[in-house]
Amino acid sequence: MAAGGPAAMHDGDEKGGLRAALGGLTTRGRSFLAAGIAAAVCAYVLGQTDLLRVGLLLAVLPLVSAVVLVRTRYRVAGSRRLAPSRVPAGAEARVHLRVENVSRVPTGLLMLQDRVPYVLGPRPRFVLDRVEAGGHREVSYRVRSDLRGRYPLGPLQLRLSDPFGMCELTRSFSAHDTLVVVPRTEPLPAVRLAGEAPGYGEGRQRSLALAGDDDVIPRGYRHGDDLRRVHWRSTARYGELMVRREEQPQRARCTVLLDTRRLAYRGAGPDSAFEWAVSGAASALTHMLERGFSVRLLTDDGAAVPGEGAGGFAGSSQESAEQAGLMLDTLAVVDHSGGGGLSRAYDALRGGNEGLLIAFLGDLDEEQAAVVARMRRSSGGAVAFILDSSDWAQGDVPPAGAGAAFEERLRLLRAAGWTALAVRPGTALADHWRQAGHQGAAQSAAGGGTTDLSGGWS
């Protein structure tokens, strides 16, 4: 909610205010002024005294209205409230405006206007009748965008008019609000995805996947501690009662990789391949957070979001809704990168087992496919959704052999241990997610492990 302080409808500089008022003469006011001057000139030429009186009346009326409007001390406060402030693409948000008269005199006719980007719809305008001293008026309007992004709202403008409609003065508040339009997300089924490295999750690692072992550093005894947790060796060493720390839970990890390279996608607009990949990444990270995973969002340039936890993973102390909000806000403004490769993302993944890896990739040449294949070594399980530009291109003729090259990339990733799926236009992510689960079941039957997306490892 943004609030603007009282906006004075009276300028401290009288000359500047009068100059602004004369510049704010309406078409009616200018017409009266021109007609009055013309009548006065004609009266002088023709020697008609009555016509001169009429001319003076017509010319003076807009000038008097401007002076009265400038000298009127109106003070108006305005505020704006968004409900909600974050919406998915294609959904509507409602903007509530409140105007309060904080002066001791009632206002005249007020015209209220809020500035909004053209992609959110037409600029809203409202006409407010007389607002009594200390009174307020509330109005609202709806905004909607099919394109994700961050859109500024404001400043709020008030236009004050005299009773005759001869002059208008405009005042603006300084406060702004921001509407965040995040990618569309869709609910995903709780399935098991295959692709764990051989032997991963067995023995001690398997038991610590969701619940870690006790901290080996003891602490002092506190009232209410279980006496069965007393660490007698440390008690004898320090001369006071020491207990083992409580079990520190660890969350299973998941990395969602989004390929943003410009050369990897063709087309633009809400139905383009890149927007499908962004929406898919948003759906995947939301789904994994709801299942209790510690999730990070990684792009091809190696940047991780939100980055509060170790290695860029969201800390377990954060709420899932807050974590999802941070990453969705990033995806709301993510754009194509100028990079040509995925080596930075590979460097960010290299160095340890990063748990489950879910990748949304555009076109891959032979070199980049090899880089993605090596990413499999740093993950416990790996699933890739690959968008073939030859299918998504609108009106473009794909180069000869593009389909065969794409199938070869899929075979290369599958041979490296990836569960790789081709994404065709018009298909829902939930269908591909379910298909990945079927492939996971097949790999599990063949002897591979599975990642349980309902919250654990098996």
Protein backbone atom coordinates (compact mmCIF):
# COMPACT_ATOMS: atom_id res chain seq x y z
CA MET A 1 0.00 0.00 0.00
CA ALA A 2 1.40 3.36 -1.01
CA ALA A 3 0.23 6.60 0.47
CA GLY A 4 0.80 10.11 -0.71
CA GLY A 5 1.03 12.96 1.74
CA PRO A 6 -1.45 15.82 1.60
CA ALA A 7 -1.33 17.41 -1.82
CA ALA A 8 -1.99 21.13 -1.58
CA MET A 9 -4.24 22.55 -4.23
CA HIS A 10 -2.77 25.98 -3.50
CA ASP A 11 0.69 27.03 -4.72
CA GLY A 12 2.91 28.87 -2.27
CA ASP A 13 4.11 31.06 -5.16
CA GLU A 14 1.05 33.07 -6.10
CA LYS A 15 2.46 34.22 -9.43
CA GLY A 16 3.55 30.73 -10.39
CA GLY A 17 0.17 29.34 -9.33
CA LEU A 18 -1.70 31.94 -11.40
CA ARG A 19 0.51 31.19 -14.38
CA ALA A 20 -0.26 27.48 -13.99
CA ALA A 21 -3.97 28.21 -13.68
CA LEU A 22 -3.99 30.29 -16.86
CA GLY A 23 -2.17 27.46 -18.59
CA GLY A 24 -4.90 25.10 -17.33
CA LEU A 25 -7.78 26.93 -18.97
CA THR A 26 -10.13 24.44 -20.57
CA THR A 27 -11.49 24.69 -24.08
CA ARG A 28 -14.56 26.36 -22.64
CA GLY A 29 -12.46 28.87 -20.73
CA ARG A 30 -10.30 29.71 -23.74
CA SER A 31 -13.42 30.08 -25.88
CA PHE A 32 -14.99 32.49 -23.39
CA LEU A 33 -11.79 34.49 -23.19
CA ALA A 34 -11.44 34.70 -26.98
CA ALA A 35 -15.11 35.60 -27.42
CA GLY A 36 -14.84 38.32 -24.78
CA ILE A 37 -11.77 39.88 -26.40
CA ALA A 38 -13.42 39.74 -29.83
CA ALA A 39 -16.62 41.34 -28.48
CA ALA A 40 -14.63 44.11 -26.76
CA VAL A 41 -12.74 44.88 -29.99
CA CYS A 42 -15.98 44.97 -31.99
CA ALA A 43 -17.63 47.18 -29.37
CA TYR A 44 -14.73 49.63 -29.58
CA VAL A 45 -14.84 49.73 -33.39
CA LEU A 46 -18.63 50.00 -33.60
CA GLY A 47 -19.05 52.19 -30.53
CA GLN A 48 -21.50 49.78 -28.87
CA THR A 49 -21.36 50.15 -25.09
CA ASP A 50 -23.67 47.21 -24.39
CA LEU A 51 -21.52 44.89 -26.50
CA LEU A 52 -18.48 46.05 -24.53
CA ARG A 53 -20.14 45.00 -21.26
CA VAL A 54 -20.89 41.56 -22.70
CA GLY A 55 -17.30 41.22 -23.91
CA LEU A 56 -15.87 42.19 -20.56
CA LEU A 57 -18.12 39.67 -18.81
CA LEU A 58 -17.06 36.87 -21.16
CA ALA A 59 -13.34 37.70 -20.77
CA VAL A 60 -13.36 38.21 -17.01
CA LEU A 61 -15.30 35.04 -16.11
CA PRO A 62 -12.48 32.52 -16.95
CA LEU A 63 -9.88 34.82 -15.35
CA VAL A 64 -11.85 35.11 -12.13
CA SER A 65 -12.39 31.33 -12.11
CA ALA A 66 -8.63 30.80 -12.43
CA VAL A 67 -7.84 33.22 -9.60
CA VAL A 68 -10.45 31.67 -7.29
CA LEU A 69 -9.19 28.17 -8.09
CA VAL A 70 -5.59 29.14 -7.31
CA ARG A 71 -6.46 30.83 -4.02
CA THR A 72 -8.60 27.94 -2.81
CA ARG A 73 -6.66 26.01 -0.16
CA TYR A 74 -7.55 22.39 -0.82
CA ARG A 75 -5.39 19.70 0.79
CA VAL A 76 -6.06 16.16 -0.36
CA ALA A 77 -4.33 12.91 0.68
CA GLY A 78 -4.32 9.85 -1.56
CA SER A 79 -3.36 6.19 -1.13
CA ARG A 80 -3.30 3.05 -3.25
CA ARG A 81 -3.67 -0.61 -2.28
CA LEU A 82 -3.12 -3.66 -4.51
CA ALA A 83 -5.03 -6.89 -3.98
CA PRO A 84 -2.93 -8.90 -4.55
CA SER A 85 0.44 -7.32 -5.33
CA ARG A 86 1.71 -10.49 -7.05
CA VAL A 87 -0.44 -12.24 -9.67
CA PRO A 88 0.22 -14.89 -12.31
CA ALA A 89 0.14 -13.87 -15.95
CA GLY A 90 -3.40 -13.68 -17.27
CA ALA A 91 -4.93 -13.11 -13.82
CA GLU A 92 -6.53 -9.90 -12.62
CA ALA A 93 -5.55 -7.68 -9.72
CA ARG A 94 -7.70 -4.98 -8.20
CA VAL A 95 -6.31 -1.55 -7.35
CA HIS A 96 -8.09 0.37 -4.59
CA LEU A 97 -7.70 4.16 -4.47
CA ARG A 98 -8.61 6.31 -1.50
CA VAL A 99 -8.82 10.09 -1.59
CA GLU A 100 -9.26 12.03 1.66
CA ASN A 101 -9.96 15.72 2.09
CA VAL A 102 -7.77 16.86 5.01
CA SER A 103 -8.60 20.55 4.69
CA ARG A 104 -11.33 22.48 6.48
CA VAL A 105 -13.29 23.35 3.35
CA PRO A 106 -15.13 21.02 0.99
CA THR A 107 -13.62 20.39 -2.42
CA GLY A 108 -15.17 21.04 -5.75
CA LEU A 109 -15.37 18.54 -8.56
CA LEU A 110 -12.32 16.23 -8.58
CA MET A 111 -11.12 14.16 -11.50
CA LEU A 112 -8.93 11.27 -10.40
CA GLN A 113 -6.45 9.55 -12.75
CA ASP A 114 -3.87 6.83 -12.11
CA ARG A 115 -0.95 6.15 -14.40
CA VAL A 116 -0.59 2.52 -15.49
CA PRO A 117 1.51 0.90 -18.25
CA TYR A 118 -0.42 0.29 -21.46
CA VAL A 119 0.01 -3.49 -21.15
CA LEU A 120 -2.19 -3.44 -18.03
CA GLY A 121 -5.11 -1.81 -19.80
CA PRO A 122 -6.51 1.68 -20.36
CA ARG A 123 -5.64 4.49 -17.98
CA PRO A 124 -8.34 4.63 -15.28
CA ARG A 125 -10.19 7.91 -14.75
CA PHE A 126 -12.82 8.76 -12.15
CA VAL A 127 -14.97 11.81 -11.44
CA LEU A 128 -15.51 12.53 -7.76
CA ASP A 129 -18.26 14.86 -6.64
CA ARG A 130 -17.85 17.31 -3.79
CA VAL A 131 -15.84 15.82 -0.90
CA GLU A 132 -16.78 17.27 2.48
CA ALA A 133 -14.16 18.47 4.96
CA GLY A 134 -12.57 15.44 6.59
CA GLY A 135 -14.42 13.10 4.23
CA HIS A 136 -13.03 10.53 1.81
CA ARG A 137 -13.95 8.67 -1.36
CA GLU A 138 -12.85 5.19 -2.45
CA VAL A 139 -12.79 3.83 -6.00
CA SER A 140 -11.20 0.76 -7.57
CA TYR A 141 -10.23 -0.61 -10.96
CA ARG A 142 -8.83 -3.86 -12.36
CA VAL A 143 -5.57 -4.51 -14.18
CA ARG A 144 -4.49 -7.58 -16.12
CA SER A 145 -1.46 -8.61 -18.17
CA ASP A 146 -0.64 -11.67 -20.24
CA LEU A 147 3.05 -10.73 -20.07
CA ARG A 148 5.06 -11.32 -16.92
CA GLY A 149 7.09 -8.46 -15.48
CA ARG A 150 7.21 -5.71 -12.88
CA TYR A 151 4.88 -2.84 -13.68
CA PRO A 152 4.89 0.54 -11.87
CA LEU A 153 1.56 2.06 -10.87
CA GLY A 154 1.36 5.78 -10.29
CA PRO A 155 1.73 8.52 -9.56
CA LEU A 156 -1.86 9.28 -8.71
CA GLN A 157 -3.08 12.52 -10.26
CA LEU A 158 -5.89 14.79 -9.13
CA ARG A 159 -7.47 17.35 -11.41
CA LEU A 160 -9.45 20.14 -9.76
CA SER A 161 -12.00 22.09 -11.75
CA ASP A 162 -14.02 25.23 -11.00
CA PRO A 163 -17.84 25.00 -10.96
CA PHE A 164 -18.11 26.56 -14.45
CA GLY A 165 -15.53 24.24 -16.03
CA MET A 166 -13.37 27.17 -17.11
CA CYS A 167 -10.09 26.05 -15.55
CA GLU A 168 -8.43 22.83 -14.37
CA LEU A 169 -5.42 22.30 -12.10
CA THR A 170 -3.51 19.02 -11.90
CA ARG A 171 -1.56 17.82 -8.88
CA SER A 172 0.40 14.57 -8.60
CA PHE A 173 1.31 12.45 -5.61
CA SER A 174 4.84 11.09 -5.41
CA ALA A 175 4.03 7.57 -4.18
CA HIS A 176 4.30 4.59 -6.54
CA ASP A 177 3.37 0.92 -6.30
CA THR A 178 4.65 -2.07 -8.21
CA LEU A 179 2.54 -4.90 -9.57
CA VAL A 180 4.52 -8.11 -10.08
CA VAL A 181 3.15 -10.42 -12.78
CA VAL A 182 4.79 -13.82 -12.29
CA PRO A 183 4.79 -16.75 -14.73
CA ARG A 184 1.83 -19.08 -14.81
CA THR A 185 2.22 -22.22 -12.72
CA GLU A 186 0.30 -25.45 -12.96
CA PRO A 187 -0.13 -28.18 -10.34
CA LEU A 188 2.05 -31.22 -10.94
CA PRO A 189 1.35 -34.81 -9.94
CA ALA A 190 3.39 -36.43 -7.17
CA VAL A 191 5.43 -38.96 -9.13
CA ARG A 192 8.81 -40.64 -8.87
CA LEU A 193 11.54 -39.53 -11.25
CA ALA A 194 14.39 -41.82 -12.21
CA GLY A 195 18.01 -40.97 -12.74
CA GLU A 196 19.84 -41.30 -9.42
CA ALA A 197 23.49 -42.16 -9.66
CA PRO A 198 24.24 -45.80 -8.84
CA GLY A 199 24.49 -46.37 -5.10
CA TYR A 200 23.37 -42.88 -4.20
CA GLY A 201 21.15 -42.69 -1.15
CA GLU A 202 22.22 -46.05 0.29
CA GLY A 203 23.39 -46.69 3.82
CA ARG A 204 24.16 -43.64 5.96
CA GLN A 205 23.47 -41.08 3.18
CA ARG A 206 20.02 -42.53 2.61
CA SER A 207 19.11 -42.24 6.29
CA LEU A 208 20.24 -38.61 6.35
CA ALA A 209 18.44 -37.52 3.21
CA LEU A 210 15.67 -35.87 5.17
CA ALA A 211 16.93 -36.06 8.76
CA GLY A 212 20.61 -35.45 9.58
CA ASP A 213 22.60 -36.97 12.40
CA ASP A 214 23.20 -35.38 15.79
CA ASP A 215 25.61 -32.49 16.12
CA VAL A 216 28.84 -33.90 17.57
CA ILE A 217 29.45 -30.69 19.57
CA PRO A 218 27.66 -30.97 22.94
CA ARG A 219 26.08 -28.07 24.78
CA GLY A 220 25.25 -27.25 28.37
CA TYR A 221 22.31 -28.91 30.04
CA ARG A 222 19.06 -26.93 29.99
CA HIS A 223 16.00 -27.46 32.13
CA GLY A 224 13.73 -29.97 30.41
CA ASP A 225 16.45 -31.74 28.41
CA ASP A 226 16.14 -35.51 28.18
CA LEU A 227 18.69 -37.10 30.52
CA ARG A 228 19.19 -39.85 27.97
CA ARG A 229 20.99 -37.30 25.81
CA VAL A 230 23.65 -36.56 28.46
CA HIS A 231 27.15 -36.75 26.96
CA TRP A 232 29.11 -38.22 29.88
CA ARG A 233 32.57 -37.84 28.37
CA SER A 234 32.05 -34.09 27.85
CA THR A 235 30.45 -33.82 31.30
CA ALA A 236 33.58 -35.26 32.89
CA ARG A 237 35.80 -33.01 30.77
CA TYR A 238 34.03 -29.71 31.45
CA GLY A 239 32.88 -30.44 34.97
CA GLU A 240 29.24 -29.65 34.21
CA LEU A 241 26.34 -31.55 32.77
CA MET A 242 26.56 -31.60 28.94
CA VAL A 243 24.04 -33.01 26.47
CA ARG A 244 24.16 -33.90 22.80
CA ARG A 245 22.45 -31.37 20.55
CA GLU A 246 19.07 -32.20 19.12
CA GLU A 247 18.96 -33.79 15.71
CA GLN A 248 19.37 -31.13 13.02
CA PRO A 249 17.02 -31.90 10.16
CA GLN A 250 18.33 -31.65 6.64
CA ARG A 251 16.12 -31.15 3.62
CA ALA A 252 16.58 -32.97 0.37
CA ARG A 253 17.98 -30.67 -2.31
CA CYS A 254 16.69 -29.82 -5.73
CA THR A 255 18.14 -27.49 -8.37
CA VAL A 256 15.91 -26.09 -11.11
CA LEU A 257 18.06 -25.07 -14.09
CA LEU A 258 16.62 -22.59 -16.61
CA ASP A 259 18.32 -22.09 -19.95
CA THR A 260 17.89 -18.41 -20.93
CA ARG A 261 20.25 -18.23 -23.92
CA ARG A 262 18.78 -16.13 -26.70
CA LEU A 263 20.12 -18.38 -29.44
CA ALA A 264 18.43 -21.41 -27.85
CA TYR A 265 14.88 -20.18 -28.53
CA ARG A 266 12.88 -18.87 -31.44
CA GLY A 267 9.82 -16.68 -31.44
CA ALA A 268 8.41 -14.33 -28.82
CA GLY A 269 5.18 -13.68 -26.98
CA PRO A 270 3.15 -15.46 -24.31
CA ASP A 271 3.02 -18.72 -26.29
CA SER A 272 6.70 -18.87 -27.23
CA ALA A 273 9.10 -21.64 -26.26
CA PHE A 274 11.00 -19.41 -23.84
CA GLU A 275 7.83 -18.46 -21.96
CA TRP A 276 6.91 -22.15 -21.72
CA ALA A 277 10.32 -22.87 -20.21
CA VAL A 278 9.98 -20.02 -17.69
CA SER A 279 6.50 -21.19 -16.71
CA GLY A 280 7.74 -24.76 -16.42
CA ALA A 281 10.60 -23.73 -14.13
CA ALA A 282 8.15 -21.79 -11.95
CA SER A 283 5.83 -24.80 -11.71
CA ALA A 284 8.67 -27.17 -10.88
CA LEU A 285 10.24 -25.09 -8.13
CA THR A 286 6.83 -24.41 -6.54
CA HIS A 287 6.00 -28.12 -6.65
CA MET A 288 9.31 -29.13 -5.07
CA LEU A 289 9.03 -26.53 -2.31
CA GLU A 290 5.57 -27.82 -1.47
CA ARG A 291 7.08 -31.31 -1.17
CA GLY A 292 9.60 -30.14 1.45
CA PHE A 293 12.70 -29.89 -0.74
CA SER A 294 15.32 -27.17 -0.35
CA VAL A 295 15.27 -25.60 -3.80
CA ARG A 296 17.42 -23.18 -5.72
CA LEU A 297 16.89 -21.62 -9.13
CA LEU A 298 19.92 -21.66 -11.39
CA THR A 299 20.29 -20.00 -14.80
CA ASP A 300 22.76 -20.64 -17.58
CA ASP A 301 24.97 -17.76 -16.38
CA GLY A 302 25.51 -19.52 -13.03
CA ALA A 303 23.39 -17.15 -10.93
CA ALA A 304 21.42 -18.82 -8.12
CA VAL A 305 18.22 -17.51 -6.52
CA PRO A 306 17.41 -16.87 -3.71
CA GLY A 307 20.91 -17.67 -2.53
CA GLU A 308 20.43 -17.39 1.26
CA GLY A 309 21.47 -20.95 2.01
CA ALA A 310 24.71 -22.80 1.39
CA GLY A 311 25.42 -23.14 -2.30
CA GLY A 312 22.48 -20.90 -3.16
CA PHE A 313 19.81 -23.20 -1.74
CA ALA A 314 16.93 -21.64 0.14
CA GLY A 315 17.45 -21.93 3.88
CA SER A 316 15.24 -24.35 5.72
CA SER A 317 14.26 -21.62 8.17
CA GLN A 318 12.32 -19.78 5.49
CA GLU A 319 8.69 -20.49 4.79
CA SER A 320 7.94 -22.24 1.51
CA ALA A 321 5.67 -19.40 0.39
CA GLU A 322 8.45 -16.87 0.99
CA GLN A 323 10.98 -18.98 -0.89
CA ALA A 324 8.64 -19.43 -3.82
CA GLY A 325 7.90 -15.70 -3.85
CA LEU A 326 11.59 -14.80 -4.11
CA MET A 327 12.15 -17.10 -7.06
CA LEU A 328 8.89 -16.22 -8.80
CA ASP A 329 9.81 -12.54 -8.53
CA THR A 330 13.07 -13.36 -10.29
CA LEU A 331 11.30 -15.33 -12.99
CA ALA A 332 8.88 -12.43 -13.49
CA VAL A 333 11.69 -10.32 -14.96
CA VAL A 334 14.08 -12.96 -16.31
CA ASP A 335 15.09 -12.30 -19.90
CA HIS A 336 17.32 -13.82 -22.53
CA SER A 337 21.00 -13.88 -21.72
CA GLY A 338 23.66 -13.05 -24.25
CA GLY A 339 25.72 -16.11 -23.39
CA GLY A 340 26.23 -18.89 -25.85
CA GLY A 341 26.96 -21.77 -23.50
CA LEU A 342 26.07 -23.57 -20.29
CA SER A 343 29.58 -23.82 -18.86
CA ARG A 344 28.89 -21.39 -16.01
CA ALA A 345 25.92 -23.43 -14.89
CA TYR A 346 28.10 -26.55 -15.04
CA ASP A 347 30.72 -24.83 -12.86
CA ALA A 348 28.02 -23.93 -10.32
CA LEU A 349 26.89 -27.55 -10.17
CA ARG A 350 30.36 -29.08 -10.08
CA GLY A 351 31.95 -29.89 -6.76
CA GLY A 352 29.48 -32.10 -4.94
CA ASN A 353 26.26 -34.00 -5.04
CA GLU A 354 23.50 -31.42 -5.53
CA GLY A 355 20.54 -33.77 -5.17
CA LEU A 356 17.86 -33.71 -7.83
CA LEU A 357 18.46 -31.60 -10.97
CA ILE A 358 15.50 -30.49 -13.13
CA ALA A 359 16.50 -28.62 -16.29
CA PHE A 360 14.47 -26.67 -18.84
CA LEU A 361 16.60 -26.34 -21.93
CA GLY A 362 16.35 -24.81 -25.37
CA ASP A 363 18.25 -25.90 -28.48
CA LEU A 364 21.49 -27.75 -27.78
CA ASP A 365 24.33 -28.11 -30.21
CA GLU A 366 26.80 -30.95 -29.88
CA GLU A 367 29.12 -29.03 -27.56
CA GLN A 368 26.39 -27.85 -25.19
CA ALA A 369 24.79 -31.29 -25.13
CA ALA A 370 28.13 -32.67 -23.90
CA VAL A 371 28.24 -30.02 -21.16
CA VAL A 372 24.71 -30.93 -20.03
CA ALA A 373 25.64 -34.61 -20.06
CA ARG A 374 28.51 -33.91 -17.65
CA MET A 375 26.12 -32.14 -15.26
CA ARG A 376 24.64 -35.54 -14.50
CA ARG A 377 27.74 -36.47 -12.52
CA SER A 378 27.02 -33.77 -9.92
CA SER A 379 23.41 -34.72 -9.27
CA GLY A 380 21.59 -37.53 -7.58
CA GLY A 381 18.87 -37.51 -10.23
CA ALA A 382 18.50 -35.52 -13.44
CA VAL A 383 15.45 -34.73 -15.56
CA ALA A 384 15.57 -32.50 -18.65
CA PHE A 385 12.70 -30.93 -20.58
CA ILE A 386 14.11 -29.89 -23.95
CA LEU A 387 12.32 -27.58 -26.38
CA ASP A 388 13.06 -28.11 -30.05
CA SER A 389 12.96 -24.78 -31.88
CA SER A 390 12.08 -26.51 -35.14
CA ASP A 391 8.72 -27.41 -33.55
CA TRP A 392 8.16 -24.07 -31.82
CA ALA A 393 9.20 -21.80 -34.70
CA GLN A 394 6.21 -19.97 -36.12
CA GLY A 395 6.37 -19.69 -39.87
CA ASP A 396 10.11 -20.44 -40.03
CA VAL A 397 11.33 -23.37 -42.06
CA PRO A 398 13.65 -25.52 -39.91
CA PRO A 399 17.04 -26.40 -41.38
CA ALA A 400 17.46 -29.78 -43.00
CA GLY A 401 18.31 -32.52 -40.53
CA ALA A 402 17.22 -30.52 -37.48
CA GLY A 403 14.90 -33.28 -36.26
CA ALA A 404 17.57 -35.96 -36.52
CA ALA A 405 20.08 -33.78 -34.68
CA PHE A 406 17.56 -33.16 -31.89
CA GLU A 407 16.92 -36.88 -31.45
CA GLU A 408 20.65 -37.46 -31.30
CA ARG A 409 20.94 -34.95 -28.44
CA LEU A 410 18.18 -36.77 -26.56
CA ARG A 411 19.98 -40.09 -26.97
CA LEU A 412 23.23 -38.54 -25.73
CA LEU A 413 21.61 -37.22 -22.55
CA ARG A 414 19.75 -40.45 -21.88
CA ALA A 415 22.97 -42.39 -22.28
CA ALA A 416 24.57 -40.10 -19.68
CA GLY A 417 21.80 -40.94 -17.19
CA TRP A 418 19.35 -38.12 -17.82
CA THR A 419 15.62 -38.60 -18.09
CA ALA A 420 15.30 -36.43 -21.20
CA LEU A 421 11.94 -35.51 -22.73
CA ALA A 422 11.12 -33.52 -25.85
CA VAL A 423 8.58 -30.75 -25.29
CA ARG A 424 6.15 -30.11 -28.15
CA PRO A 425 3.95 -27.03 -28.55
CA GLY A 426 0.53 -27.20 -26.93
CA THR A 427 1.45 -29.81 -24.32
CA ALA A 428 1.07 -29.29 -20.59
CA LEU A 429 3.97 -29.70 -18.19
CA ALA A 430 1.87 -32.06 -16.05
CA ASP A 431 1.73 -34.53 -18.95
CA HIS A 432 5.51 -34.43 -19.38
CA TRP A 433 5.95 -34.71 -15.62
CA ARG A 434 3.82 -37.83 -15.59
CA GLN A 435 5.73 -39.20 -18.59
CA ALA A 436 8.98 -38.65 -16.71
CA GLY A 437 7.51 -40.64 -13.85
CA HIS A 438 6.74 -43.54 -16.20
CA GLN A 439 10.31 -43.50 -17.45
CA GLY A 440 11.45 -43.39 -13.82
CA ALA A 441 9.48 -46.51 -13.05
CA ALA A 442 11.07 -48.26 -16.03
CA GLN A 443 14.57 -47.25 -14.92
CA SER A 444 13.79 -48.34 -11.37
CA ALA A 445 12.77 -51.76 -12.64
CA ALA A 446 16.03 -51.88 -14.55
CA GLY A 447 17.98 -51.35 -11.35
CA GLY A 448 18.22 -47.56 -10.99
CA GLY A 449 17.08 -45.54 -8.04
CA THR A 450 14.16 -43.14 -7.99
CA THR A 451 13.49 -39.73 -6.53
CA ASP A 452 10.19 -39.56 -4.71
CA LEU A 453 8.66 -36.16 -5.42
CA SER A 454 6.18 -36.58 -2.61
CA GLY A 455 8.96 -35.56 -0.26
CA GLY A 456 11.57 -38.31 0.26
CA TRP A 457 14.20 -40.47 -1.34
CA SER A 458 13.78 -44.14 -2.08
